Amino acid sequence: MRRADRGESLVSLMLALSLSLGIVLSAIHLTVQAELLHQHARQLSLLEDQAHQVIELIERLLQQAGYVDVVKAMSVQAARPLEGAIGGADNAMVSGHSQEGVVMSNSASLASDLLLIHLHGDDAGKVINCAGFAIPAASGPNDPASRSILYVGLDPANEPELRCYFRGASQWSSQALASGVLTFQVRFGIDTDHDGLPNQFVSPSQLSDITETQAVAELSPRTRIVALHIALLMRSTQRIASSIVMKPFQLFGENPEVCINELGTGERVLPSQLKPNRLYRQFDKIIFLNNSLRPDA
């Protein structure tokens, strides 16, 4: 009887150990899954925060475009630029630290655009550039100190980031604004019938083509820009387990006709262009200008 009891005790012990091991493994699996979900949620929150900060910054800059100090007499204040206060370039980035040759042909990431905004400062220091510094009163319509340039560059770890290029007290400087900006795309909304609303959205290169073909006596089409459609594709800076992109990203939404008639370069990002095990999110917004860009307004 004692030997039989010992056998039953051994079987019971082995069964208890097996059940306990299963419970422990299940608990470990749940802990790992919870950690992955927490990491996913944290990276998603960081992406959304960065994107919202970028959009808010661009919106603030655009609301200042075309501003003139109404306190000063027209004879002593800088006029709006004849070619408009907003411009850009397709598939471009800043190279160097001088006013000359600030744009190179190839961007650092996925044919990202470059956005140039001329801002006129005032004596009160209310107009702020892309780096957060007050812009002094402009000495002329093309004063380099009034320029804020946004583009995508690479950080020391070769991760894409949105950067601000601006003129400081004595030299040009570049400052990081947000990490994880994989591509930055811009479309300019032009008012063609003078009702204050955009009739067509065009890329920077299309805007340049329209400008080149206009009549000499006409004002630049850049002065008829009344809105901008901006798009961002954000990427997590850390790897995420089991993150698979199954379909292309339409950067300007599912209705490309809102921007231009056909999908152009930089408007669609395919899964094959993206790194695996990263979290990606697309953001876009149409921003209307607060001021007219016409020099005669």
C-alpha atoms as a PDB file:
ATOM      1  CA  MET A   1       0.000   0.000   0.000  1.00  0.00           C
ATOM      2  CA  ARG A   2       2.788   2.415   0.797  1.00  0.00           C
ATOM      3  CA  ARG A   3       4.451   1.804  -2.599  1.00  0.00           C
ATOM      4  CA  ALA A   4       1.119   2.426  -4.360  1.00  0.00           C
ATOM      5  CA  ASP A   5       0.641   5.628  -2.364  1.00  0.00           C
ATOM      6  CA  ARG A   6       4.109   6.776  -3.363  1.00  0.00           C
ATOM      7  CA  GLY A   7       3.308   6.132  -7.031  1.00  0.00           C
ATOM      8  CA  GLU A   8       0.076   8.048  -6.837  1.00  0.00           C
ATOM      9  CA  SER A   9       1.855  10.944  -5.103  1.00  0.00           C
ATOM     10  CA  LEU A  10       4.484  11.063  -7.870  1.00  0.00           C
ATOM     11  CA  VAL A  11       1.824  11.092 -10.575  1.00  0.00           C
ATOM     12  CA  SER A  12      -0.061  13.833  -8.755  1.00  0.00           C
ATOM     13  CA  LEU A  13       3.128  15.841  -8.395  1.00  0.00           C
ATOM     14  CA  MET A  14       3.967  15.530 -12.104  1.00  0.00           C
ATOM     15  CA  LEU A  15       0.419  16.492 -13.052  1.00  0.00           C
ATOM     16  CA  ALA A  16       0.534  19.503 -10.752  1.00  0.00           C
ATOM     17  CA  LEU A  17       3.879  20.594 -12.199  1.00  0.00           C
ATOM     18  CA  SER A  18       2.549  20.266 -15.749  1.00  0.00           C
ATOM     19  CA  LEU A  19      -0.509  22.343 -14.938  1.00  0.00           C
ATOM     20  CA  SER A  20       1.610  24.928 -13.136  1.00  0.00           C
ATOM     21  CA  LEU A  21       4.030  25.131 -16.068  1.00  0.00           C
ATOM     22  CA  GLY A  22       1.115  25.699 -18.448  1.00  0.00           C
ATOM     23  CA  ILE A  23      -0.213  28.470 -16.243  1.00  0.00           C
ATOM     24  CA  VAL A  24       3.232  30.083 -16.010  1.00  0.00           C
ATOM     25  CA  LEU A  25       3.729  29.936 -19.791  1.00  0.00           C
ATOM     26  CA  SER A  26       0.282  31.426 -20.351  1.00  0.00           C
ATOM     27  CA  ALA A  27       1.073  34.213 -17.900  1.00  0.00           C
ATOM     28  CA  ILE A  28       4.384  34.928 -19.658  1.00  0.00           C
ATOM     29  CA  HIS A  29       2.628  34.994 -23.034  1.00  0.00           C
ATOM     30  CA  LEU A  30      -0.008  37.406 -21.740  1.00  0.00           C
ATOM     31  CA  THR A  31       2.700  39.607 -20.211  1.00  0.00           C
ATOM     32  CA  VAL A  32       4.620  39.737 -23.494  1.00  0.00           C
ATOM     33  CA  GLN A  33       1.446  40.520 -25.448  1.00  0.00           C
ATOM     34  CA  ALA A  34       0.531  43.254 -22.977  1.00  0.00           C
ATOM     35  CA  GLU A  35       4.005  44.774 -23.333  1.00  0.00           C
ATOM     36  CA  LEU A  36       3.735  44.688 -27.139  1.00  0.00           C
ATOM     37  CA  LEU A  37       0.318  46.341 -27.014  1.00  0.00           C
ATOM     38  CA  HIS A  38       1.664  48.978 -24.632  1.00  0.00           C
ATOM     39  CA  GLN A  39       4.645  49.637 -26.918  1.00  0.00           C
ATOM     40  CA  HIS A  40       2.329  49.859 -29.945  1.00  0.00           C
ATOM     41  CA  ALA A  41       0.013  52.296 -28.153  1.00  0.00           C
ATOM     42  CA  ARG A  42       2.944  54.398 -26.951  1.00  0.00           C
ATOM     43  CA  GLN A  43       4.497  54.643 -30.426  1.00  0.00           C
ATOM     44  CA  LEU A  44       1.110  55.495 -31.942  1.00  0.00           C
ATOM     45  CA  SER A  45       0.590  58.223 -29.354  1.00  0.00           C
ATOM     46  CA  LEU A  46       4.034  59.668 -30.108  1.00  0.00           C
ATOM     47  CA  LEU A  47       3.308  59.636 -33.847  1.00  0.00           C
ATOM     48  CA  GLU A  48      -0.002  61.430 -33.390  1.00  0.00           C
ATOM     49  CA  ASP A  49       1.507  64.017 -31.037  1.00  0.00           C
ATOM     50  CA  GLN A  50       4.367  64.745 -33.444  1.00  0.00           C
ATOM     51  CA  ALA A  51       2.007  65.014 -36.428  1.00  0.00           C
ATOM     52  CA  HIS A  52      -0.381  67.348 -34.619  1.00  0.00           C
ATOM     53  CA  GLN A  53       2.513  69.555 -33.504  1.00  0.00           C
ATOM     54  CA  VAL A  54       3.827  69.767 -37.078  1.00  0.00           C
ATOM     55  CA  ILE A  55       0.406  70.608 -38.516  1.00  0.00           C
ATOM     56  CA  GLU A  56      -0.183  73.214 -35.806  1.00  0.00           C
ATOM     57  CA  LEU A  57       3.217  74.805 -36.522  1.00  0.00           C
ATOM     58  CA  ILE A  58       2.611  74.946 -40.281  1.00  0.00           C
ATOM     59  CA  GLU A  59      -0.870  76.340 -39.722  1.00  0.00           C
ATOM     60  CA  ARG A  60       0.541  79.101 -37.505  1.00  0.00           C
ATOM     61  CA  LEU A  61       3.183  79.981 -40.091  1.00  0.00           C
ATOM     62  CA  LEU A  62       0.643  80.104 -42.913  1.00  0.00           C
ATOM     63  CA  GLN A  63      -1.732  82.293 -40.917  1.00  0.00           C
ATOM     64  CA  GLN A  64       1.098  84.836 -40.643  1.00  0.00           C
ATOM     65  CA  ALA A  65       1.888  84.783 -44.386  1.00  0.00           C
ATOM     66  CA  GLY A  66       0.879  87.995 -46.127  1.00  0.00           C
ATOM     67  CA  TYR A  67       0.729  89.941 -42.862  1.00  0.00           C
ATOM     68  CA  VAL A  68       1.641  93.638 -42.979  1.00  0.00           C
ATOM     69  CA  ASP A  69       1.910  95.975 -40.021  1.00  0.00           C
ATOM     70  CA  VAL A  70      -1.159  98.213 -40.317  1.00  0.00           C
ATOM     71  CA  VAL A  71       0.270 100.605 -37.725  1.00  0.00           C
ATOM     72  CA  LYS A  72       3.042 101.693 -40.075  1.00  0.00           C
ATOM     73  CA  ALA A  73       2.411 103.898 -43.053  1.00  0.00           C
ATOM     74  CA  MET A  74       2.597 102.109 -46.415  1.00  0.00           C
ATOM     75  CA  SER A  75       5.561 104.262 -47.394  1.00  0.00           C
ATOM     76  CA  VAL A  76       7.760 102.948 -44.572  1.00  0.00           C
ATOM     77  CA  GLN A  77       6.776  99.273 -44.395  1.00  0.00           C
ATOM     78  CA  ALA A  78       7.981  96.433 -46.598  1.00  0.00           C
ATOM     79  CA  ALA A  79       5.531  95.454 -49.312  1.00  0.00           C
ATOM     80  CA  ARG A  80       4.394  91.902 -49.976  1.00  0.00           C
ATOM     81  CA  PRO A  81       6.676  90.103 -52.453  1.00  0.00           C
ATOM     82  CA  LEU A  82       5.531  90.492 -56.067  1.00  0.00           C
ATOM     83  CA  GLU A  83       6.056  86.761 -56.634  1.00  0.00           C
ATOM     84  CA  GLY A  84       4.044  85.847 -53.546  1.00  0.00           C
ATOM     85  CA  ALA A  85       4.952  84.965 -49.985  1.00  0.00           C
ATOM     86  CA  ILE A  86       4.710  81.175 -50.373  1.00  0.00           C
ATOM     87  CA  GLY A  87       6.674  78.804 -52.572  1.00  0.00           C
ATOM     88  CA  GLY A  88       8.196  75.363 -52.631  1.00  0.00           C
ATOM     89  CA  ALA A  89       9.985  72.644 -54.549  1.00  0.00           C
ATOM     90  CA  ASP A  90       9.271  69.005 -55.368  1.00  0.00           C
ATOM     91  CA  ASN A  91      11.645  66.329 -54.115  1.00  0.00           C
ATOM     92  CA  ALA A  92      13.980  68.841 -52.485  1.00  0.00           C
ATOM     93  CA  MET A  93      15.873  69.643 -49.316  1.00  0.00           C
ATOM     94  CA  VAL A  94      18.246  72.289 -47.990  1.00  0.00           C
ATOM     95  CA  SER A  95      21.961  71.873 -48.555  1.00  0.00           C
ATOM     96  CA  GLY A  96      24.567  74.077 -46.913  1.00  0.00           C
ATOM     97  CA  HIS A  97      24.195  77.048 -44.599  1.00  0.00           C
ATOM     98  CA  SER A  98      23.851  80.050 -46.872  1.00  0.00           C
ATOM     99  CA  GLN A  99      21.154  81.851 -48.769  1.00  0.00           C
ATOM    100  CA  GLU A 100      22.561  80.767 -52.130  1.00  0.00           C
ATOM    101  CA  GLY A 101      21.874  77.232 -53.285  1.00  0.00           C
ATOM    102  CA  VAL A 102      19.659  76.356 -50.347  1.00  0.00           C
ATOM    103  CA  VAL A 103      17.754  73.769 -52.392  1.00  0.00           C
ATOM    104  CA  MET A 104      19.093  70.533 -53.835  1.00  0.00           C
ATOM    105  CA  SER A 105      17.201  68.336 -56.264  1.00  0.00           C
ATOM    106  CA  ASN A 106      16.860  65.131 -54.258  1.00  0.00           C
ATOM    107  CA  SER A 107      15.143  64.961 -50.896  1.00  0.00           C
ATOM    108  CA  ALA A 108      16.321  62.790 -48.047  1.00  0.00           C
ATOM    109  CA  SER A 109      13.176  60.641 -47.901  1.00  0.00           C
ATOM    110  CA  LEU A 110      10.483  59.551 -50.385  1.00  0.00           C
ATOM    111  CA  ALA A 111      10.549  62.599 -52.678  1.00  0.00           C
ATOM    112  CA  SER A 112       9.558  64.977 -49.887  1.00  0.00           C
ATOM    113  CA  ASP A 113       8.643  68.544 -50.767  1.00  0.00           C
ATOM    114  CA  LEU A 114      10.183  71.764 -49.509  1.00  0.00           C
ATOM    115  CA  LEU A 115       7.963  74.631 -48.320  1.00  0.00           C
ATOM    116  CA  LEU A 116       9.156  78.248 -48.277  1.00  0.00           C
ATOM    117  CA  ILE A 117       7.190  80.931 -46.415  1.00  0.00           C
ATOM    118  CA  HIS A 118       8.052  84.646 -46.382  1.00  0.00           C
ATOM    119  CA  LEU A 119       6.972  86.346 -43.155  1.00  0.00           C
ATOM    120  CA  HIS A 120       7.022  90.076 -42.458  1.00  0.00           C
ATOM    121  CA  GLY A 121       7.937  90.921 -38.891  1.00  0.00           C
ATOM    122  CA  ASP A 122       6.801  93.904 -36.878  1.00  0.00           C
ATOM    123  CA  ASP A 123       8.231  96.099 -34.141  1.00  0.00           C
ATOM    124  CA  ALA A 124       6.200  94.266 -31.491  1.00  0.00           C
ATOM    125  CA  GLY A 125       7.817  90.892 -32.230  1.00  0.00           C
ATOM    126  CA  LYS A 126       4.493  89.117 -32.747  1.00  0.00           C
ATOM    127  CA  VAL A 127       5.491  87.321 -35.951  1.00  0.00           C
ATOM    128  CA  ILE A 128       7.325  84.059 -35.201  1.00  0.00           C
ATOM    129  CA  ASN A 129       9.425  81.980 -37.605  1.00  0.00           C
ATOM    130  CA  CYS A 130       9.497  78.186 -37.863  1.00  0.00           C
ATOM    131  CA  ALA A 131      12.085  77.921 -35.069  1.00  0.00           C
ATOM    132  CA  GLY A 132       9.995  79.969 -32.645  1.00  0.00           C
ATOM    133  CA  PHE A 133      11.997  83.208 -32.843  1.00  0.00           C
ATOM    134  CA  ALA A 134      10.482  86.633 -33.393  1.00  0.00           C
ATOM    135  CA  ILE A 135      11.110  88.066 -36.854  1.00  0.00           C
ATOM    136  CA  PRO A 136      12.326  91.680 -36.973  1.00  0.00           C
ATOM    137  CA  ALA A 137      10.595  94.220 -39.170  1.00  0.00           C
ATOM    138  CA  ALA A 138      11.560  93.470 -42.776  1.00  0.00           C
ATOM    139  CA  SER A 139      13.781  95.874 -44.662  1.00  0.00           C
ATOM    140  CA  GLY A 140      12.273  94.847 -48.005  1.00  0.00           C
ATOM    141  CA  PRO A 141       9.862  92.379 -49.616  1.00  0.00           C
ATOM    142  CA  ASN A 142      12.604  89.761 -50.078  1.00  0.00           C
ATOM    143  CA  ASP A 143      14.468  90.217 -46.804  1.00  0.00           C
ATOM    144  CA  PRO A 144      16.172  86.811 -46.163  1.00  0.00           C
ATOM    145  CA  ALA A 145      15.559  87.138 -42.420  1.00  0.00           C
ATOM    146  CA  SER A 146      11.844  86.696 -43.109  1.00  0.00           C
ATOM    147  CA  ARG A 147      12.148  83.239 -44.672  1.00  0.00           C
ATOM    148  CA  SER A 148      11.082  80.009 -42.993  1.00  0.00           C
ATOM    149  CA  ILE A 149      11.901  76.836 -44.932  1.00  0.00           C
ATOM    150  CA  LEU A 150      10.496  73.418 -44.011  1.00  0.00           C
ATOM    151  CA  TYR A 151      11.969  70.196 -45.402  1.00  0.00           C
ATOM    152  CA  VAL A 152      12.714  66.584 -44.479  1.00  0.00           C
ATOM    153  CA  GLY A 153      16.276  65.759 -43.464  1.00  0.00           C
ATOM    154  CA  LEU A 154      18.048  62.934 -41.649  1.00  0.00           C
ATOM    155  CA  ASP A 155      19.165  62.877 -38.030  1.00  0.00           C
ATOM    156  CA  PRO A 156      22.517  61.352 -36.924  1.00  0.00           C
ATOM    157  CA  ALA A 157      20.855  57.910 -36.801  1.00  0.00           C
ATOM    158  CA  ASN A 158      19.602  58.321 -40.403  1.00  0.00           C
ATOM    159  CA  GLU A 159      16.004  58.629 -39.222  1.00  0.00           C
ATOM    160  CA  PRO A 160      13.890  61.146 -41.188  1.00  0.00           C
ATOM    161  CA  GLU A 161      12.792  64.317 -39.435  1.00  0.00           C
ATOM    162  CA  LEU A 162      11.127  67.585 -40.381  1.00  0.00           C
ATOM    163  CA  ARG A 163      13.587  70.465 -40.166  1.00  0.00           C
ATOM    164  CA  CYS A 164      13.316  74.246 -40.095  1.00  0.00           C
ATOM    165  CA  TYR A 165      15.823  76.370 -42.013  1.00  0.00           C
ATOM    166  CA  PHE A 166      15.912  80.021 -41.006  1.00  0.00           C
ATOM    167  CA  ARG A 167      18.090  83.088 -40.891  1.00  0.00           C
ATOM    168  CA  GLY A 168      19.386  83.878 -37.415  1.00  0.00           C
ATOM    169  CA  ALA A 169      21.152  86.984 -36.182  1.00  0.00           C
ATOM    170  CA  SER A 170      24.235  86.397 -38.335  1.00  0.00           C
ATOM    171  CA  GLN A 171      23.863  83.132 -40.256  1.00  0.00           C
ATOM    172  CA  TRP A 172      21.477  80.479 -41.539  1.00  0.00           C
ATOM    173  CA  SER A 173      20.619  77.648 -39.149  1.00  0.00           C
ATOM    174  CA  SER A 174      18.778  74.336 -39.337  1.00  0.00           C
ATOM    175  CA  GLN A 175      16.700  73.034 -36.444  1.00  0.00           C
ATOM    176  CA  ALA A 176      14.841  69.744 -36.006  1.00  0.00           C
ATOM    177  CA  LEU A 177      11.093  70.105 -35.470  1.00  0.00           C
ATOM    178  CA  ALA A 178       9.736  66.550 -35.374  1.00  0.00           C
ATOM    179  CA  SER A 179      11.187  63.071 -35.751  1.00  0.00           C
ATOM    180  CA  GLY A 180       9.595  60.275 -37.717  1.00  0.00           C
ATOM    181  CA  VAL A 181       8.378  62.434 -40.642  1.00  0.00           C
ATOM    182  CA  LEU A 182       8.978  59.979 -43.475  1.00  0.00           C
ATOM    183  CA  THR A 183       7.569  62.242 -46.175  1.00  0.00           C
ATOM    184  CA  PHE A 184       6.160  65.767 -46.334  1.00  0.00           C
ATOM    185  CA  GLN A 185       4.024  66.759 -49.312  1.00  0.00           C
ATOM    186  CA  VAL A 186       2.511  70.138 -50.216  1.00  0.00           C
ATOM    187  CA  ARG A 187      -0.199  71.184 -52.676  1.00  0.00           C
ATOM    188  CA  PHE A 188      -1.056  74.831 -53.305  1.00  0.00           C
ATOM    189  CA  GLY A 189      -4.696  75.862 -53.627  1.00  0.00           C
ATOM    190  CA  ILE A 190      -5.081  78.595 -56.278  1.00  0.00           C
ATOM    191  CA  ASP A 191      -8.083  80.900 -56.587  1.00  0.00           C
ATOM    192  CA  THR A 192      -8.716  81.291 -60.329  1.00  0.00           C
ATOM    193  CA  ASP A 193     -12.070  83.110 -60.221  1.00  0.00           C
ATOM    194  CA  HIS A 194     -11.371  85.611 -57.408  1.00  0.00           C
ATOM    195  CA  ASP A 195     -14.000  84.273 -54.996  1.00  0.00           C
ATOM    196  CA  GLY A 196     -11.485  83.574 -52.220  1.00  0.00           C
ATOM    197  CA  LEU A 197     -11.737  79.771 -52.542  1.00  0.00           C
ATOM    198  CA  PRO A 198      -9.262  77.368 -54.172  1.00  0.00           C
ATOM    199  CA  ASN A 199     -10.322  76.039 -57.565  1.00  0.00           C
ATOM    200  CA  GLN A 200      -7.360  73.724 -58.070  1.00  0.00           C
ATOM    201  CA  PHE A 201      -4.558  72.265 -55.998  1.00  0.00           C
ATOM    202  CA  VAL A 202      -1.175  71.968 -57.682  1.00  0.00           C
ATOM    203  CA  SER A 203       2.249  70.630 -56.751  1.00  0.00           C
ATOM    204  CA  PRO A 204       5.287  72.928 -56.423  1.00  0.00           C
ATOM    205  CA  SER A 205       6.526  71.968 -59.894  1.00  0.00           C
ATOM    206  CA  GLN A 206       3.089  72.552 -61.408  1.00  0.00           C
ATOM    207  CA  LEU A 207       2.974  75.948 -59.726  1.00  0.00           C
ATOM    208  CA  SER A 208       6.344  76.800 -61.286  1.00  0.00           C
ATOM    209  CA  ASP A 209       5.093  75.723 -64.719  1.00  0.00           C
ATOM    210  CA  ILE A 210       1.992  77.915 -64.375  1.00  0.00           C
ATOM    211  CA  THR A 211       4.154  80.843 -63.289  1.00  0.00           C
ATOM    212  CA  GLU A 212       6.477  80.476 -66.284  1.00  0.00           C
ATOM    213  CA  THR A 213       3.620  80.449 -68.808  1.00  0.00           C
ATOM    214  CA  GLN A 214       1.744  83.471 -67.448  1.00  0.00           C
ATOM    215  CA  ALA A 215       1.633  86.815 -69.223  1.00  0.00           C
ATOM    216  CA  VAL A 216       4.315  89.291 -68.180  1.00  0.00           C
ATOM    217  CA  ALA A 217       1.786  91.922 -67.129  1.00  0.00           C
ATOM    218  CA  GLU A 218      -0.116  89.537 -64.831  1.00  0.00           C
ATOM    219  CA  LEU A 219       0.543  89.050 -61.151  1.00  0.00           C
ATOM    220  CA  SER A 220       2.271  85.821 -60.205  1.00  0.00           C
ATOM    221  CA  PRO A 221      -0.075  82.845 -59.632  1.00  0.00           C
ATOM    222  CA  ARG A 222       1.672  82.508 -56.284  1.00  0.00           C
ATOM    223  CA  THR A 223      -0.165  85.644 -55.160  1.00  0.00           C
ATOM    224  CA  ARG A 224      -3.466  83.828 -55.803  1.00  0.00           C
ATOM    225  CA  ILE A 225      -2.700  81.024 -53.349  1.00  0.00           C
ATOM    226  CA  VAL A 226      -5.496  80.954 -50.763  1.00  0.00           C
ATOM    227  CA  ALA A 227      -4.964  77.522 -49.158  1.00  0.00           C
ATOM    228  CA  LEU A 228      -2.459  74.698 -48.799  1.00  0.00           C
ATOM    229  CA  HIS A 229      -3.079  70.972 -48.572  1.00  0.00           C
ATOM    230  CA  ILE A 230      -0.293  69.367 -46.555  1.00  0.00           C
ATOM    231  CA  ALA A 231       0.271  65.644 -46.066  1.00  0.00           C
ATOM    232  CA  LEU A 232       2.555  63.737 -43.714  1.00  0.00           C
ATOM    233  CA  LEU A 233       3.505  60.087 -43.507  1.00  0.00           C
ATOM    234  CA  MET A 234       4.839  59.399 -40.032  1.00  0.00           C
ATOM    235  CA  ARG A 235       6.994  56.416 -39.035  1.00  0.00           C
ATOM    236  CA  SER A 236       7.801  55.148 -35.564  1.00  0.00           C
ATOM    237  CA  THR A 237      11.433  55.555 -34.586  1.00  0.00           C
ATOM    238  CA  GLN A 238      11.417  52.161 -32.835  1.00  0.00           C
ATOM    239  CA  ARG A 239      10.745  48.726 -34.276  1.00  0.00           C
ATOM    240  CA  ILE A 240       7.313  47.231 -33.659  1.00  0.00           C
ATOM    241  CA  ALA A 241       6.765  43.464 -33.694  1.00  0.00           C
ATOM    242  CA  SER A 242       4.275  42.110 -36.254  1.00  0.00           C
ATOM    243  CA  SER A 243       3.551  45.464 -37.871  1.00  0.00           C
ATOM    244  CA  ILE A 244       2.709  44.810 -41.531  1.00  0.00           C
ATOM    245  CA  VAL A 245       1.553  47.393 -44.084  1.00  0.00           C
ATOM    246  CA  MET A 246      -0.931  45.736 -46.439  1.00  0.00           C
ATOM    247  CA  LYS A 247      -2.045  48.582 -48.722  1.00  0.00           C
ATOM    248  CA  PRO A 248      -0.613  51.815 -50.177  1.00  0.00           C
ATOM    249  CA  PHE A 249      -0.901  55.112 -48.344  1.00  0.00           C
ATOM    250  CA  GLN A 250      -2.856  57.761 -50.269  1.00  0.00           C
ATOM    251  CA  LEU A 251      -1.188  60.822 -48.770  1.00  0.00           C
ATOM    252  CA  PHE A 252      -3.952  63.246 -49.768  1.00  0.00           C
ATOM    253  CA  GLY A 253      -6.813  60.915 -48.903  1.00  0.00           C
ATOM    254  CA  GLU A 254      -8.956  58.590 -50.962  1.00  0.00           C
ATOM    255  CA  ASN A 255     -10.138  61.365 -53.316  1.00  0.00           C
ATOM    256  CA  PRO A 256      -7.039  62.410 -55.292  1.00  0.00           C
ATOM    257  CA  GLU A 257      -9.146  64.655 -57.541  1.00  0.00           C
ATOM    258  CA  VAL A 258      -9.322  67.065 -54.612  1.00  0.00           C
ATOM    259  CA  CYS A 259      -5.624  67.763 -55.202  1.00  0.00           C
ATOM    260  CA  ILE A 260      -4.919  67.141 -58.870  1.00  0.00           C
ATOM    261  CA  ASN A 261      -6.538  65.035 -61.562  1.00  0.00           C
ATOM    262  CA  GLU A 262      -4.085  62.147 -61.443  1.00  0.00           C
ATOM    263  CA  LEU A 263      -1.864  60.749 -58.732  1.00  0.00           C
ATOM    264  CA  GLY A 264       1.557  62.271 -59.134  1.00  0.00           C
ATOM    265  CA  THR A 265       4.980  61.622 -57.686  1.00  0.00           C
ATOM    266  CA  GLY A 266       4.919  61.649 -53.917  1.00  0.00           C
ATOM    267  CA  GLU A 267       1.136  61.278 -53.543  1.00  0.00           C
ATOM    268  CA  ARG A 268       1.124  57.507 -53.029  1.00  0.00           C
ATOM    269  CA  VAL A 269       3.494  55.387 -50.932  1.00  0.00           C
ATOM    270  CA  LEU A 270       3.610  51.646 -51.610  1.00  0.00           C
ATOM    271  CA  PRO A 271       4.266  48.989 -48.936  1.00  0.00           C
ATOM    272  CA  SER A 272       7.432  47.981 -50.820  1.00  0.00           C
ATOM    273  CA  GLN A 273       8.859  51.463 -50.120  1.00  0.00           C
ATOM    274  CA  LEU A 274       8.521  51.050 -46.358  1.00  0.00           C
ATOM    275  CA  LYS A 275      10.675  49.336 -43.768  1.00  0.00           C
ATOM    276  CA  PRO A 276       9.117  46.307 -42.046  1.00  0.00           C
ATOM    277  CA  ASN A 277       8.307  46.205 -38.344  1.00  0.00           C
ATOM    278  CA  ARG A 278       7.583  49.920 -38.113  1.00  0.00           C
ATOM    279  CA  LEU A 279       4.351  51.720 -37.310  1.00  0.00           C
ATOM    280  CA  TYR A 280       3.079  54.113 -40.013  1.00  0.00           C
ATOM    281  CA  ARG A 281       0.310  56.703 -39.986  1.00  0.00           C
ATOM    282  CA  GLN A 282      -0.871  59.223 -42.597  1.00  0.00           C
ATOM    283  CA  PHE A 283      -2.103  62.741 -41.770  1.00  0.00           C
ATOM    284  CA  ASP A 284      -3.331  65.530 -44.033  1.00  0.00           C
ATOM    285  CA  LYS A 285      -5.102  68.859 -43.680  1.00  0.00           C
ATOM    286  CA  ILE A 286      -6.263  71.732 -45.872  1.00  0.00           C
ATOM    287  CA  ILE A 287      -5.198  75.038 -44.321  1.00  0.00           C
ATOM    288  CA  PHE A 288      -6.732  78.310 -45.501  1.00  0.00           C
ATOM    289  CA  LEU A 289      -4.634  81.464 -45.394  1.00  0.00           C
ATOM    290  CA  ASN A 290      -5.642  84.314 -43.137  1.00  0.00           C
ATOM    291  CA  ASN A 291      -4.222  87.097 -45.324  1.00  0.00           C
ATOM    292  CA  SER A 292      -4.165  87.881 -49.015  1.00  0.00           C
ATOM    293  CA  LEU A 293      -0.819  87.396 -50.755  1.00  0.00           C
ATOM    294  CA  ARG A 294      -1.552  89.972 -53.443  1.00  0.00           C
ATOM    295  CA  PRO A 295       0.850  92.942 -53.216  1.00  0.00           C
ATOM    296  CA  ASP A 296      -1.984  95.313 -54.137  1.00  0.00           C
ATOM    297  CA  ALA A 297      -4.375  94.026 -51.449  1.00  0.00           C
END
